[in-house]
Amino acid sequence: MTIPNHPLIASVKPLLKATGAELVAADALIAGDIPLVWEGTTIAGVRLPALHGALDRIIEGVERELGAKLSQLSRNEKQTAIRLLDERGAFTVRRAVEDVADAMGVSRITVYNYLNALHR
C-alpha cells in the first residue's frame, strides 16, 4: 500500500521534518508507530526516530529556529536556547548539560545557572 495524497499527510510533513520522524504506509505500521487516523480509517503512520542522536536533533532544531550555532549566540540568545531545549526535553537525556555546554562554549555551571533561572 502506498501513502495517499491526503490533507492530513500534508499537515504533518513539517512536523516530520522538524523531528526526523518518517511517514510510513498504513500497511507497514509496526509496534511503536503512531497511526494517522482520519474519520476512523488509518491512512498512514509516523515512525519516530530512535533515541540515539535525539539530543543532536533537538540542538539542530533550536539552532535552525534561532538562526545560528549555539556557540555563536549572544548571552540572551543562549538563555533563550536553554529555555527551548528545556521545553523540548533535551535535559532528560543523559549528559545533556555537558553536551549543551560544549556546544555553547560555556561551562556546565553556566547551563545549570540558566536552567535554575528558568525554574525559579
N, C-alpha and C. Protein backbone atom coordinates (compact mmCIF):
# COMPACT_ATOMS: atom_id res chain seq x y z
N MET A 1 0.85 -1.18 0.00
CA MET A 1 0.00 0.00 0.00
C MET A 1 0.89 1.25 0.00
N THR A 2 0.49 2.25 -0.71
CA THR A 2 1.25 3.50 -0.75
C THR A 2 0.61 4.52 0.19
N ILE A 3 1.34 5.58 0.40
CA ILE A 3 0.83 6.66 1.25
C ILE A 3 -0.06 7.56 0.38
N PRO A 4 -1.31 7.74 0.80
CA PRO A 4 -2.23 8.53 -0.04
C PRO A 4 -1.92 10.02 0.01
N ASN A 5 -2.37 10.72 -1.03
CA ASN A 5 -2.30 12.17 -1.05
C ASN A 5 -3.52 12.65 -0.27
N HIS A 6 -3.28 13.10 0.95
CA HIS A 6 -4.38 13.44 1.86
C HIS A 6 -4.01 14.70 2.64
N PRO A 7 -4.97 15.56 2.96
CA PRO A 7 -4.66 16.78 3.71
C PRO A 7 -3.98 16.51 5.06
N LEU A 8 -4.31 15.41 5.72
CA LEU A 8 -3.67 15.08 7.00
C LEU A 8 -2.18 14.82 6.79
N ILE A 9 -1.84 14.15 5.72
CA ILE A 9 -0.44 13.86 5.40
C ILE A 9 0.31 15.17 5.17
N ALA A 10 -0.28 16.06 4.38
CA ALA A 10 0.35 17.35 4.12
C ALA A 10 0.55 18.15 5.39
N SER A 11 -0.39 18.06 6.32
CA SER A 11 -0.29 18.85 7.55
C SER A 11 0.78 18.34 8.50
N VAL A 12 1.12 17.06 8.46
CA VAL A 12 2.13 16.54 9.39
C VAL A 12 3.55 16.59 8.81
N LYS A 13 3.70 16.85 7.53
CA LYS A 13 5.05 16.86 6.94
C LYS A 13 6.01 17.83 7.61
N PRO A 14 5.60 19.05 7.98
CA PRO A 14 6.55 19.92 8.69
C PRO A 14 6.99 19.34 10.04
N LEU A 15 6.09 18.65 10.72
CA LEU A 15 6.45 18.02 11.98
C LEU A 15 7.43 16.88 11.77
N LEU A 16 7.22 16.12 10.73
CA LEU A 16 8.13 15.02 10.42
C LEU A 16 9.53 15.55 10.16
N LYS A 17 9.61 16.62 9.38
CA LYS A 17 10.91 17.21 9.06
C LYS A 17 11.59 17.75 10.31
N ALA A 18 10.83 18.40 11.16
CA ALA A 18 11.40 19.01 12.37
C ALA A 18 11.88 17.97 13.37
N THR A 19 11.24 16.82 13.42
CA THR A 19 11.58 15.82 14.42
C THR A 19 12.44 14.69 13.89
N GLY A 20 12.59 14.60 12.57
CA GLY A 20 13.35 13.50 12.00
C GLY A 20 12.54 12.22 11.91
N ALA A 21 11.22 12.34 12.08
CA ALA A 21 10.35 11.17 12.00
C ALA A 21 10.12 10.79 10.54
N GLU A 22 9.55 9.62 10.34
CA GLU A 22 9.35 9.08 9.00
C GLU A 22 7.87 8.76 8.80
N LEU A 23 7.36 9.02 7.61
CA LEU A 23 6.00 8.67 7.25
C LEU A 23 6.00 7.26 6.68
N VAL A 24 5.09 6.42 7.17
CA VAL A 24 5.02 5.04 6.68
C VAL A 24 3.59 4.73 6.24
N ALA A 25 3.47 3.83 5.29
CA ALA A 25 2.16 3.41 4.80
C ALA A 25 1.40 2.68 5.90
N ALA A 26 0.08 2.75 5.84
CA ALA A 26 -0.77 2.13 6.86
C ALA A 26 -0.50 0.64 7.00
N ASP A 27 -0.22 -0.05 5.91
CA ASP A 27 0.00 -1.50 5.98
C ASP A 27 1.43 -1.86 6.42
N ALA A 28 2.26 -0.84 6.65
CA ALA A 28 3.64 -1.09 7.07
C ALA A 28 3.88 -0.70 8.52
N LEU A 29 2.82 -0.36 9.25
CA LEU A 29 2.95 0.04 10.65
C LEU A 29 3.49 -1.11 11.50
N ILE A 30 4.38 -0.76 12.43
CA ILE A 30 4.90 -1.74 13.38
C ILE A 30 4.66 -1.21 14.78
N ALA A 31 4.92 -2.02 15.79
CA ALA A 31 4.75 -1.60 17.18
C ALA A 31 5.57 -0.34 17.44
N GLY A 32 4.96 0.63 18.08
CA GLY A 32 5.63 1.88 18.38
C GLY A 32 5.33 2.99 17.39
N ASP A 33 4.84 2.64 16.19
CA ASP A 33 4.46 3.66 15.22
C ASP A 33 3.18 4.35 15.68
N ILE A 34 2.98 5.57 15.23
CA ILE A 34 1.79 6.33 15.58
C ILE A 34 0.87 6.37 14.36
N PRO A 35 -0.30 5.73 14.45
CA PRO A 35 -1.20 5.74 13.31
C PRO A 35 -1.82 7.11 13.09
N LEU A 36 -1.97 7.49 11.84
CA LEU A 36 -2.67 8.72 11.47
C LEU A 36 -4.07 8.31 11.02
N VAL A 37 -5.04 8.65 11.83
CA VAL A 37 -6.41 8.18 11.60
C VAL A 37 -7.29 9.36 11.19
N TRP A 38 -8.04 9.17 10.11
CA TRP A 38 -8.97 10.18 9.63
C TRP A 38 -10.34 9.54 9.49
N GLU A 39 -11.29 10.05 10.24
CA GLU A 39 -12.66 9.54 10.22
C GLU A 39 -12.71 8.02 10.37
N GLY A 40 -11.93 7.52 11.33
CA GLY A 40 -11.94 6.10 11.66
C GLY A 40 -11.08 5.21 10.79
N THR A 41 -10.42 5.76 9.78
CA THR A 41 -9.58 4.97 8.88
C THR A 41 -8.12 5.38 9.05
N THR A 42 -7.26 4.38 9.24
CA THR A 42 -5.82 4.65 9.32
C THR A 42 -5.31 4.85 7.90
N ILE A 43 -4.79 6.06 7.65
CA ILE A 43 -4.34 6.35 6.29
C ILE A 43 -2.82 6.27 6.13
N ALA A 44 -2.11 6.35 7.24
CA ALA A 44 -0.64 6.24 7.24
C ALA A 44 -0.20 6.20 8.69
N GLY A 45 1.10 6.30 8.89
CA GLY A 45 1.63 6.32 10.25
C GLY A 45 2.91 7.10 10.33
N VAL A 46 3.29 7.41 11.57
CA VAL A 46 4.53 8.13 11.83
C VAL A 46 5.45 7.21 12.61
N ARG A 47 6.66 7.06 12.13
CA ARG A 47 7.68 6.29 12.83
C ARG A 47 8.69 7.28 13.40
N LEU A 48 8.74 7.35 14.71
CA LEU A 48 9.64 8.28 15.38
C LEU A 48 11.08 7.80 15.27
N PRO A 49 12.03 8.73 15.25
CA PRO A 49 13.44 8.34 15.17
C PRO A 49 13.88 7.69 16.48
N ALA A 50 14.93 6.92 16.40
CA ALA A 50 15.49 6.28 17.59
C ALA A 50 16.01 7.35 18.55
N LEU A 51 16.10 7.02 19.82
CA LEU A 51 16.61 7.97 20.80
C LEU A 51 18.07 8.32 20.55
N HIS A 52 18.81 7.39 19.96
CA HIS A 52 20.21 7.67 19.65
C HIS A 52 20.27 8.90 18.75
N GLY A 53 20.98 9.92 19.18
CA GLY A 53 21.09 11.14 18.41
C GLY A 53 20.00 12.16 18.70
N ALA A 54 19.11 11.85 19.65
CA ALA A 54 17.98 12.74 19.94
C ALA A 54 18.46 14.12 20.37
N LEU A 55 19.44 14.19 21.24
CA LEU A 55 19.92 15.49 21.70
C LEU A 55 20.47 16.30 20.54
N ASP A 56 21.22 15.66 19.67
CA ASP A 56 21.76 16.37 18.50
C ASP A 56 20.64 16.93 17.63
N ARG A 57 19.57 16.15 17.44
CA ARG A 57 18.44 16.62 16.63
C ARG A 57 17.74 17.80 17.31
N ILE A 58 17.60 17.74 18.64
CA ILE A 58 16.96 18.85 19.36
C ILE A 58 17.82 20.10 19.24
N ILE A 59 19.12 19.97 19.43
CA ILE A 59 20.03 21.11 19.30
C ILE A 59 19.96 21.69 17.90
N GLU A 60 19.99 20.84 16.88
CA GLU A 60 19.92 21.32 15.50
C GLU A 60 18.62 22.08 15.24
N GLY A 61 17.52 21.61 15.80
CA GLY A 61 16.24 22.31 15.65
C GLY A 61 16.26 23.69 16.28
N VAL A 62 16.84 23.79 17.47
CA VAL A 62 16.95 25.09 18.15
C VAL A 62 17.88 26.02 17.36
N GLU A 63 18.97 25.49 16.86
CA GLU A 63 19.89 26.30 16.06
C GLU A 63 19.19 26.82 14.80
N ARG A 64 18.40 25.97 14.15
CA ARG A 64 17.64 26.42 12.97
C ARG A 64 16.68 27.53 13.35
N GLU A 65 15.99 27.33 14.46
CA GLU A 65 14.99 28.31 14.91
C GLU A 65 15.63 29.66 15.25
N LEU A 66 16.80 29.61 15.88
CA LEU A 66 17.46 30.85 16.29
C LEU A 66 18.39 31.41 15.21
N GLY A 67 18.66 30.63 14.18
CA GLY A 67 19.43 31.12 13.04
C GLY A 67 20.93 31.11 13.19
N ALA A 68 21.44 30.38 14.18
CA ALA A 68 22.89 30.32 14.37
C ALA A 68 23.25 29.13 15.25
N LYS A 69 24.52 28.73 15.17
CA LYS A 69 25.03 27.69 16.07
C LYS A 69 24.95 28.20 17.50
N LEU A 70 24.77 27.29 18.45
CA LEU A 70 24.67 27.69 19.86
C LEU A 70 25.88 28.51 20.30
N SER A 71 27.04 28.15 19.82
CA SER A 71 28.27 28.85 20.23
C SER A 71 28.34 30.28 19.72
N GLN A 72 27.55 30.62 18.71
CA GLN A 72 27.59 31.95 18.11
C GLN A 72 26.53 32.89 18.68
N LEU A 73 25.70 32.37 19.58
CA LEU A 73 24.60 33.17 20.12
C LEU A 73 25.09 34.14 21.20
N SER A 74 24.37 35.24 21.35
CA SER A 74 24.64 36.18 22.45
C SER A 74 24.19 35.54 23.76
N ARG A 75 24.52 36.18 24.86
CA ARG A 75 24.13 35.65 26.18
C ARG A 75 22.61 35.50 26.27
N ASN A 76 21.87 36.53 25.86
CA ASN A 76 20.41 36.45 25.92
C ASN A 76 19.87 35.36 25.01
N GLU A 77 20.46 35.21 23.83
CA GLU A 77 20.03 34.16 22.90
C GLU A 77 20.35 32.78 23.46
N LYS A 78 21.47 32.65 24.17
CA LYS A 78 21.81 31.37 24.79
C LYS A 78 20.79 31.02 25.88
N GLN A 79 20.33 32.01 26.62
CA GLN A 79 19.30 31.77 27.63
C GLN A 79 18.00 31.33 26.96
N THR A 80 17.68 31.95 25.83
CA THR A 80 16.51 31.53 25.06
C THR A 80 16.68 30.11 24.56
N ALA A 81 17.88 29.78 24.08
CA ALA A 81 18.16 28.43 23.59
C ALA A 81 17.99 27.41 24.72
N ILE A 82 18.46 27.74 25.91
CA ILE A 82 18.31 26.83 27.05
C ILE A 82 16.83 26.61 27.35
N ARG A 83 16.04 27.68 27.30
CA ARG A 83 14.59 27.55 27.53
C ARG A 83 13.96 26.62 26.49
N LEU A 84 14.31 26.83 25.21
CA LEU A 84 13.76 25.98 24.15
C LEU A 84 14.20 24.53 24.31
N LEU A 85 15.47 24.33 24.61
CA LEU A 85 15.98 22.97 24.82
C LEU A 85 15.25 22.29 25.98
N ASP A 86 15.04 23.04 27.05
CA ASP A 86 14.35 22.51 28.22
C ASP A 86 12.91 22.16 27.87
N GLU A 87 12.22 23.04 27.15
CA GLU A 87 10.83 22.78 26.75
C GLU A 87 10.72 21.54 25.88
N ARG A 88 11.75 21.26 25.12
CA ARG A 88 11.73 20.12 24.19
C ARG A 88 12.29 18.85 24.80
N GLY A 89 12.60 18.90 26.09
CA GLY A 89 13.03 17.70 26.80
C GLY A 89 14.48 17.34 26.65
N ALA A 90 15.30 18.25 26.17
CA ALA A 90 16.71 17.94 25.94
C ALA A 90 17.42 17.50 27.21
N PHE A 91 17.06 18.06 28.34
CA PHE A 91 17.81 17.79 29.56
C PHE A 91 17.36 16.51 30.28
N THR A 92 16.48 15.77 29.62
CA THR A 92 16.15 14.43 30.14
C THR A 92 17.13 13.39 29.62
N VAL A 93 17.92 13.78 28.64
CA VAL A 93 18.92 12.88 28.05
C VAL A 93 20.18 12.90 28.91
N ARG A 94 20.73 11.73 29.15
CA ARG A 94 21.94 11.61 29.96
C ARG A 94 23.08 12.45 29.37
N ARG A 95 23.79 13.17 30.22
CA ARG A 95 24.93 14.02 29.87
C ARG A 95 24.54 15.23 29.02
N ALA A 96 23.26 15.58 28.98
CA ALA A 96 22.81 16.69 28.14
C ALA A 96 23.43 18.01 28.57
N VAL A 97 23.51 18.26 29.87
CA VAL A 97 24.07 19.54 30.33
C VAL A 97 25.50 19.69 29.82
N GLU A 98 26.29 18.65 29.94
CA GLU A 98 27.67 18.71 29.48
C GLU A 98 27.74 18.91 27.97
N ASP A 99 26.91 18.18 27.23
CA ASP A 99 26.94 18.29 25.76
C ASP A 99 26.46 19.66 25.29
N VAL A 100 25.42 20.20 25.93
CA VAL A 100 24.94 21.53 25.57
C VAL A 100 25.99 22.58 25.93
N ALA A 101 26.61 22.45 27.08
CA ALA A 101 27.66 23.39 27.47
C ALA A 101 28.78 23.39 26.44
N ASP A 102 29.19 22.21 25.99
CA ASP A 102 30.24 22.12 24.96
C ASP A 102 29.79 22.79 23.67
N ALA A 103 28.53 22.54 23.26
CA ALA A 103 28.02 23.13 22.02
C ALA A 103 27.93 24.65 22.11
N MET A 104 27.67 25.16 23.31
CA MET A 104 27.55 26.61 23.51
C MET A 104 28.89 27.29 23.75
N GLY A 105 29.88 26.51 24.16
CA GLY A 105 31.16 27.10 24.51
C GLY A 105 31.12 27.77 25.87
N VAL A 106 30.31 27.20 26.77
CA VAL A 106 30.21 27.72 28.15
C VAL A 106 30.45 26.56 29.11
N SER A 107 30.50 26.88 30.40
CA SER A 107 30.70 25.83 31.40
C SER A 107 29.37 25.16 31.76
N ARG A 108 29.47 23.99 32.37
CA ARG A 108 28.28 23.30 32.89
C ARG A 108 27.56 24.19 33.89
N ILE A 109 28.34 24.87 34.70
CA ILE A 109 27.76 25.75 35.73
C ILE A 109 26.88 26.82 35.08
N THR A 110 27.33 27.36 33.96
CA THR A 110 26.53 28.37 33.25
C THR A 110 25.20 27.79 32.80
N VAL A 111 25.23 26.60 32.23
CA VAL A 111 23.99 25.94 31.80
C VAL A 111 23.08 25.71 33.00
N TYR A 112 23.64 25.19 34.10
CA TYR A 112 22.84 25.00 35.31
C TYR A 112 22.26 26.32 35.82
N ASN A 113 23.03 27.39 35.76
CA ASN A 113 22.53 28.70 36.19
C ASN A 113 21.36 29.16 35.31
N TYR A 114 21.48 28.98 34.00
CA TYR A 114 20.38 29.34 33.10
C TYR A 114 19.14 28.50 33.41
N LEU A 115 19.33 27.21 33.64
CA LEU A 115 18.20 26.32 33.97
C LEU A 115 17.56 26.72 35.30
N ASN A 116 18.40 27.01 36.29
CA ASN A 116 17.87 27.42 37.61
C ASN A 116 17.06 28.72 37.48
N ALA A 117 17.52 29.64 36.66
CA ALA A 117 16.78 30.90 36.46
C ALA A 117 15.42 30.64 35.83
N LEU A 118 15.34 29.65 34.97
CA LEU A 118 14.06 29.30 34.33
C LEU A 118 13.05 28.73 35.32
N HIS A 119 13.55 27.97 36.28
CA HIS A 119 12.67 27.19 37.16
C HIS A 119 12.43 27.85 38.50
N ARG A 120 12.78 29.10 38.65
CA ARG A 120 12.52 29.82 39.90
C ARG A 120 11.09 30.21 40.01
